[in-house]
C-alpha atoms as a PDB file:
ATOM      1  CA  MET A   1       0.026  -0.015  -0.006  1.00  0.00           C
ATOM      2  CA  ARG A   2       2.879   2.364   0.846  1.00  0.00           C
ATOM      3  CA  SER A   3       4.437   1.838  -2.524  1.00  0.00           C
ATOM      4  CA  LEU A   4       1.203   2.563  -4.239  1.00  0.00           C
ATOM      5  CA  LEU A   5       0.759   5.858  -2.431  1.00  0.00           C
ATOM      6  CA  LEU A   6       4.392   6.757  -3.351  1.00  0.00           C
ATOM      7  CA  ALA A   7       3.701   5.920  -6.935  1.00  0.00           C
ATOM      8  CA  ALA A   8       0.541   8.120  -6.973  1.00  0.00           C
ATOM      9  CA  ALA A   9       2.451  11.059  -5.444  1.00  0.00           C
ATOM     10  CA  LEU A  10       5.132  10.823  -8.005  1.00  0.00           C
ATOM     11  CA  LEU A  11       2.692  10.605 -11.019  1.00  0.00           C
ATOM     12  CA  GLN A  12       0.748  13.708  -9.700  1.00  0.00           C
ATOM     13  CA  SER A  13       1.538  16.538 -12.054  1.00  0.00           C
ATOM     14  CA  PRO A  14       2.697  19.847 -10.114  1.00  0.00           C
ATOM     15  CA  ALA A  15       0.143  21.692 -12.291  1.00  0.00           C
ATOM     16  CA  ASP A  16      -2.623  19.609 -10.792  1.00  0.00           C
ATOM     17  CA  SER A  17      -1.810  20.673  -7.366  1.00  0.00           C
ATOM     18  CA  ALA A  18      -1.182  24.315  -8.112  1.00  0.00           C
ATOM     19  CA  PRO A  19      -3.607  26.668  -6.524  1.00  0.00           C
ATOM     20  CA  ALA A  20      -5.915  28.533  -8.878  1.00  0.00           C
ATOM     21  CA  VAL A  21      -5.305  32.137  -9.477  1.00  0.00           C
ATOM     22  CA  PRO A  22      -8.367  34.337  -8.611  1.00  0.00           C
ATOM     23  CA  ALA A  23      -9.966  36.012 -11.631  1.00  0.00           C
ATOM     24  CA  ASP A  24      -9.620  39.429 -10.033  1.00  0.00           C
ATOM     25  CA  SER A  25      -6.039  38.934  -9.302  1.00  0.00           C
ATOM     26  CA  THR A  26      -3.737  41.543 -10.837  1.00  0.00           C
ATOM     27  CA  ARG A  27      -0.705  39.347 -10.363  1.00  0.00           C
ATOM     28  CA  ARG A  28      -0.410  35.947 -12.023  1.00  0.00           C
ATOM     29  CA  ALA A  29       1.253  33.116 -10.062  1.00  0.00           C
ATOM     30  CA  ALA A  30       4.448  31.795 -11.717  1.00  0.00           C
ATOM     31  CA  PRO A  31       3.582  28.787 -13.989  1.00  0.00           C
ATOM     32  CA  ALA A  32       4.175  25.535 -12.248  1.00  0.00           C
ATOM     33  CA  ALA A  33       6.655  23.118 -13.826  1.00  0.00           C
ATOM     34  CA  ASP A  34       5.271  21.342 -16.865  1.00  0.00           C
ATOM     35  CA  PRO A  35       6.830  17.900 -17.018  1.00  0.00           C
ATOM     36  CA  TRP A  36       6.659  15.805 -20.141  1.00  0.00           C
ATOM     37  CA  PHE A  37       5.374  12.701 -18.326  1.00  0.00           C
ATOM     38  CA  GLY A  38       2.779  12.367 -15.436  1.00  0.00           C
ATOM     39  CA  GLU A  39      -0.867  11.527 -14.627  1.00  0.00           C
ATOM     40  CA  ASP A  40      -1.963  14.761 -16.428  1.00  0.00           C
ATOM     41  CA  LYS A  41      -0.298  13.872 -19.698  1.00  0.00           C
ATOM     42  CA  LEU A  42      -1.767  10.309 -19.557  1.00  0.00           C
ATOM     43  CA  ARG A  43      -5.183  11.913 -19.023  1.00  0.00           C
ATOM     44  CA  HIS A  44      -4.608  14.181 -22.121  1.00  0.00           C
ATOM     45  CA  PHE A  45      -3.511  11.172 -24.181  1.00  0.00           C
ATOM     46  CA  VAL A  46      -6.599   9.144 -23.318  1.00  0.00           C
ATOM     47  CA  LEU A  47      -9.137  11.781 -23.328  1.00  0.00           C
ATOM     48  CA  ALA A  48      -8.105  13.202 -26.719  1.00  0.00           C
ATOM     49  CA  GLY A  49      -8.139   9.587 -28.063  1.00  0.00           C
ATOM     50  CA  LEU A  50     -11.684   9.150 -26.729  1.00  0.00           C
ATOM     51  CA  VAL A  51     -12.820  12.495 -28.333  1.00  0.00           C
ATOM     52  CA  GLN A  52     -11.227  11.373 -31.563  1.00  0.00           C
ATOM     53  CA  GLY A  53     -12.934   7.937 -31.543  1.00  0.00           C
ATOM     54  CA  SER A  54     -16.265   9.288 -30.464  1.00  0.00           C
ATOM     55  CA  ALA A  55     -16.259  12.026 -33.089  1.00  0.00           C
ATOM     56  CA  TYR A  56     -15.226   9.524 -35.792  1.00  0.00           C
ATOM     57  CA  GLY A  57     -17.975   7.075 -34.777  1.00  0.00           C
ATOM     58  CA  ALA A  58     -20.525   9.970 -34.711  1.00  0.00           C
ATOM     59  CA  ALA A  59     -19.504  11.088 -38.093  1.00  0.00           C
ATOM     60  CA  THR A  60     -19.634   7.667 -39.679  1.00  0.00           C
ATOM     61  CA  ALA A  61     -22.951   6.892 -38.049  1.00  0.00           C
ATOM     62  CA  ALA A  62     -24.277  10.076 -39.703  1.00  0.00           C
ATOM     63  CA  GLY A  63     -23.302   8.672 -43.142  1.00  0.00           C
ATOM     64  CA  VAL A  64     -19.900  10.615 -43.508  1.00  0.00           C
ATOM     65  CA  ASP A  65     -17.330   8.519 -45.561  1.00  0.00           C
ATOM     66  CA  ARG A  66     -14.388   7.243 -43.467  1.00  0.00           C
ATOM     67  CA  ARG A  67     -11.755   9.718 -44.820  1.00  0.00           C
ATOM     68  CA  ALA A  68     -13.969  12.731 -44.228  1.00  0.00           C
ATOM     69  CA  ALA A  69     -15.002  11.329 -40.753  1.00  0.00           C
ATOM     70  CA  LEU A  70     -11.300  11.064 -39.778  1.00  0.00           C
ATOM     71  CA  VAL A  71     -10.600  14.608 -40.889  1.00  0.00           C
ATOM     72  CA  THR A  72     -13.718  15.867 -39.104  1.00  0.00           C
ATOM     73  CA  ALA A  73     -12.864  13.935 -35.813  1.00  0.00           C
ATOM     74  CA  SER A  74      -9.265  15.358 -35.954  1.00  0.00           C
ATOM     75  CA  GLY A  75     -10.705  18.894 -36.270  1.00  0.00           C
ATOM     76  CA  ILE A  76     -13.008  18.471 -33.264  1.00  0.00           C
ATOM     77  CA  THR A  77     -10.254  16.933 -31.281  1.00  0.00           C
ATOM     78  CA  ALA A  78      -8.023  19.935 -32.031  1.00  0.00           C
ATOM     79  CA  LEU A  79     -10.694  22.212 -31.117  1.00  0.00           C
ATOM     80  CA  VAL A  80     -11.481  20.565 -27.873  1.00  0.00           C
ATOM     81  CA  SER A  81      -7.762  20.335 -26.983  1.00  0.00           C
ATOM     82  CA  LEU A  82      -7.134  24.014 -27.738  1.00  0.00           C
ATOM     83  CA  GLY A  83     -10.335  25.000 -25.859  1.00  0.00           C
ATOM     84  CA  LYS A  84      -9.062  23.115 -22.856  1.00  0.00           C
ATOM     85  CA  GLU A  85      -5.765  24.907 -22.949  1.00  0.00           C
ATOM     86  CA  TRP A  86      -7.401  28.251 -23.394  1.00  0.00           C
ATOM     87  CA  HIS A  87      -9.528  27.505 -20.440  1.00  0.00           C
ATOM     88  CA  ASP A  88      -6.524  26.635 -18.332  1.00  0.00           C
ATOM     89  CA  ARG A  89      -4.850  29.831 -19.413  1.00  0.00           C
ATOM     90  CA  ARG A  90      -7.691  31.930 -18.334  1.00  0.00           C
ATOM     91  CA  ARG A  91      -8.259  30.097 -15.128  1.00  0.00           C
ATOM     92  CA  ARG A  92      -4.706  29.379 -13.858  1.00  0.00           C
ATOM     93  CA  GLY A  93      -2.527  31.491 -16.372  1.00  0.00           C
ATOM     94  CA  VAL A  94      -1.091  28.365 -17.856  1.00  0.00           C
ATOM     95  CA  PHE A  95      -1.093  27.227 -21.541  1.00  0.00           C
ATOM     96  CA  SER A  96       0.698  24.022 -21.937  1.00  0.00           C
ATOM     97  CA  GLY A  97       2.178  23.115 -25.391  1.00  0.00           C
ATOM     98  CA  ARG A  98       3.180  19.831 -23.760  1.00  0.00           C
ATOM     99  CA  ASP A  99      -0.399  19.044 -23.087  1.00  0.00           C
ATOM    100  CA  LEU A 100      -1.243  19.637 -26.723  1.00  0.00           C
ATOM    101  CA  VAL A 101       1.549  17.331 -27.781  1.00  0.00           C
ATOM    102  CA  TRP A 102       0.094  14.551 -25.713  1.00  0.00           C
ATOM    103  CA  ASP A 103      -3.414  15.343 -27.075  1.00  0.00           C
ATOM    104  CA  ALA A 104      -2.047  15.151 -30.647  1.00  0.00           C
ATOM    105  CA  ALA A 105      -0.441  11.779 -29.815  1.00  0.00           C
ATOM    106  CA  GLY A 106      -3.697  10.430 -28.369  1.00  0.00           C
ATOM    107  CA  ALA A 107      -5.733  11.587 -31.413  1.00  0.00           C
ATOM    108  CA  LEU A 108      -3.111  10.133 -33.842  1.00  0.00           C
ATOM    109  CA  VAL A 109      -3.009   6.679 -32.049  1.00  0.00           C
ATOM    110  CA  TRP A 110      -6.869   6.488 -31.979  1.00  0.00           C
ATOM    111  CA  GLY A 111      -7.136   7.855 -35.525  1.00  0.00           C
ATOM    112  CA  ALA A 112      -4.806   5.225 -36.755  1.00  0.00           C
ATOM    113  CA  LEU A 113      -6.711   2.435 -34.842  1.00  0.00           C
ATOM    114  CA  VAL A 114     -10.120   3.486 -36.116  1.00  0.00           C
ATOM    115  CA  ALA A 115      -8.857   3.874 -39.702  1.00  0.00           C
ATOM    116  CA  ARG A 116      -7.204   0.564 -39.634  1.00  0.00           C
ATOM    117  CA  ALA A 117     -10.289  -1.108 -38.087  1.00  0.00           C
ATOM    118  CA  GLY A 118     -12.564   0.375 -40.896  1.00  0.00           C
ATOM    119  CA  ARG A 119     -10.624  -1.526 -43.646  1.00  0.00           C
END
């Protein structure tokens, strides 16, 4: 149990534990460290993949051909990912390019999987 707690503490992203900056604050808190690996990055990878897969499935169910559905799903995933980072920027003063890299990786993997499964 102790090793499980230690692993969870190590995986927690410092950005997740950073306090939110009040909207009326005139000073922004210094951005927390943005590591390349951590629980937050895994969430970005998985959720972007789920958005990609869901959008692709919805598009194909609506009768869109596979190639157009993949392009549509990629656009929706990009908009959701950018929207999340814009929200983080407004709420906490942090816009993470590294989160976007993980979003793109998740979308790419899921996009490849659904494109391959459709053959």
